Amino acid sequence: MLTEYKHALSTQRWEAVAPLIHDNACFIFSEGSYFGKAAVETAFRNTFDLIKNEHYSIKNLVWIYVGEVRASCTYDFAWSGVIDGKLTSGTGRGTTVVVCGGGIWQIIQEHLGPSPK
């Protein structure tokens, strides 16, 4: 599921990401918290507009819980891209919760933040 998500993010198109996001999703980023798919869409579109040629990677993925209809994982992430003509990058830690409804896995919660010290 996260591999699909990573590939969808690399398109920098909300239409590719949207099917992977639950209607009641909550995304927590360093700049704010977004509740509901419409708010998450706005956050993603703003990010896609801000960061050009973004590359996003996930490593050290650990699935904490995997059940029939929900799962939770934690991971390290890194990103790089061009902001205002300058190559910029960042790293951090993420936690994602996915749920399955009708045979479709979707992200219902994601929290991205700085790596612990």
Protein backbone atom coordinates (compact mmCIF):
# COMPACT_ATOMS: atom_id res chain seq x y z
CA MET A 1 0.00 0.00 0.00
CA LEU A 2 2.78 2.47 0.85
CA THR A 3 4.60 1.58 -2.37
CA GLU A 4 1.49 2.63 -4.31
CA TYR A 5 1.30 5.80 -2.25
CA LYS A 6 4.95 6.65 -2.87
CA HIS A 7 4.46 6.18 -6.63
CA ALA A 8 1.29 8.29 -6.59
CA LEU A 9 3.14 11.08 -4.75
CA SER A 10 5.89 11.03 -7.36
CA THR A 11 3.35 12.06 -10.03
CA GLN A 12 2.66 15.26 -8.08
CA ARG A 13 -0.98 14.90 -9.12
CA TRP A 14 -3.80 14.82 -6.59
CA GLU A 15 -5.82 12.62 -8.95
CA ALA A 16 -3.22 9.87 -8.51
CA VAL A 17 -3.13 10.23 -4.71
CA ALA A 18 -6.87 10.71 -4.05
CA PRO A 19 -7.98 7.05 -4.38
CA LEU A 20 -5.51 6.12 -1.63
CA ILE A 21 -6.92 8.62 0.89
CA HIS A 22 -9.93 7.83 3.10
CA ASP A 23 -12.80 10.36 3.15
CA ASN A 24 -12.31 10.88 6.92
CA ALA A 25 -8.52 11.11 6.77
CA CYS A 26 -6.45 13.13 9.21
CA PHE A 27 -3.00 14.27 8.04
CA ILE A 28 -0.63 16.01 10.43
CA PHE A 29 2.31 17.83 8.88
CA SER A 30 4.77 20.30 10.36
CA GLU A 31 2.73 23.21 8.99
CA GLY A 32 -0.65 22.02 10.26
CA SER A 33 -3.33 19.38 10.70
CA TYR A 34 -5.87 18.56 8.01
CA PHE A 35 -9.14 16.78 8.73
CA GLY A 36 -11.22 15.24 5.95
CA LYS A 37 -10.31 14.45 2.36
CA ALA A 38 -11.08 17.97 1.06
CA ALA A 39 -8.66 19.56 3.55
CA VAL A 40 -6.02 16.91 2.79
CA GLU A 41 -6.46 17.63 -0.92
CA THR A 42 -5.80 21.33 -0.35
CA ALA A 43 -2.61 20.53 1.61
CA PHE A 44 -1.35 18.18 -1.10
CA ARG A 45 -2.13 20.58 -3.94
CA ASN A 46 -0.29 23.36 -2.09
CA THR A 47 2.72 21.10 -1.61
CA PHE A 48 2.70 20.00 -5.24
CA ASP A 49 2.58 23.68 -6.30
CA LEU A 50 5.41 24.62 -3.92
CA ILE A 51 7.88 21.76 -4.50
CA LYS A 52 8.82 21.01 -8.09
CA ASN A 53 10.42 17.72 -9.18
CA GLU A 54 9.94 16.27 -5.72
CA HIS A 55 11.48 12.91 -4.89
CA TYR A 56 10.05 11.17 -1.80
CA SER A 57 11.51 8.04 -0.24
CA ILE A 58 10.61 5.78 2.67
CA LYS A 59 13.03 3.51 4.53
CA ASN A 60 13.16 1.56 7.78
CA LEU A 61 9.48 0.70 7.39
CA VAL A 62 8.07 -1.22 10.37
CA TRP A 63 4.50 -2.49 10.34
CA ILE A 64 3.47 -2.19 14.00
CA TYR A 65 0.09 -3.83 13.56
CA VAL A 66 -1.50 -5.63 10.62
CA GLY A 67 -5.06 -6.88 10.86
CA GLU A 68 -7.72 -7.83 8.35
CA VAL A 69 -9.12 -4.30 8.03
CA ARG A 70 -6.48 -2.00 9.54
CA ALA A 71 -2.74 -1.66 9.81
CA SER A 72 -0.26 0.82 11.23
CA CYS A 73 3.37 1.49 10.40
CA THR A 74 6.24 3.81 11.16
CA TYR A 75 9.14 4.79 8.91
CA ASP A 76 11.86 7.29 8.08
CA PHE A 77 11.21 9.55 5.11
CA ALA A 78 13.28 11.88 2.97
CA TRP A 79 12.29 14.34 0.31
CA SER A 80 14.05 16.63 -2.09
CA GLY A 81 12.86 19.05 -4.73
CA VAL A 82 13.09 22.55 -6.07
CA ILE A 83 11.50 25.44 -4.15
CA ASP A 84 11.80 28.92 -5.64
CA GLY A 85 14.54 27.70 -7.97
CA LYS A 86 16.67 26.19 -5.18
CA LEU A 87 17.26 22.50 -4.48
CA THR A 88 15.83 21.81 -1.03
CA SER A 89 15.51 18.64 1.04
CA GLY A 90 14.32 17.33 4.37
CA THR A 91 13.99 14.19 6.45
CA GLY A 92 11.80 12.99 9.24
CA ARG A 93 9.74 10.25 10.79
CA GLY A 94 6.27 9.15 9.75
CA THR A 95 3.40 7.11 11.11
CA THR A 96 0.60 5.94 8.84
CA VAL A 97 -2.63 4.09 9.62
CA VAL A 98 -4.50 2.37 6.80
CA VAL A 99 -7.97 0.84 6.77
CA CYS A 100 -9.63 -1.54 4.36
CA GLY A 101 -13.21 -1.13 3.22
CA GLY A 102 -14.72 -3.03 0.31
CA GLY A 103 -11.35 -4.62 -0.43
CA ILE A 104 -9.67 -1.22 -0.88
CA TRP A 105 -6.88 -0.06 1.44
CA GLN A 106 -6.76 3.68 2.15
CA ILE A 107 -4.79 5.97 4.41
CA ILE A 108 -6.94 7.29 7.24
CA GLN A 109 -4.18 8.91 9.28
CA GLU A 110 -0.67 10.13 8.56
CA HIS A 111 1.65 12.05 10.85
CA LEU A 112 4.95 13.36 9.48
CA GLY A 113 7.42 15.17 11.69
CA PRO A 114 11.06 15.61 12.52
CA SER A 115 13.22 12.64 13.38
CA PRO A 116 13.59 12.07 17.12
CA LYS A 117 16.86 13.27 18.57
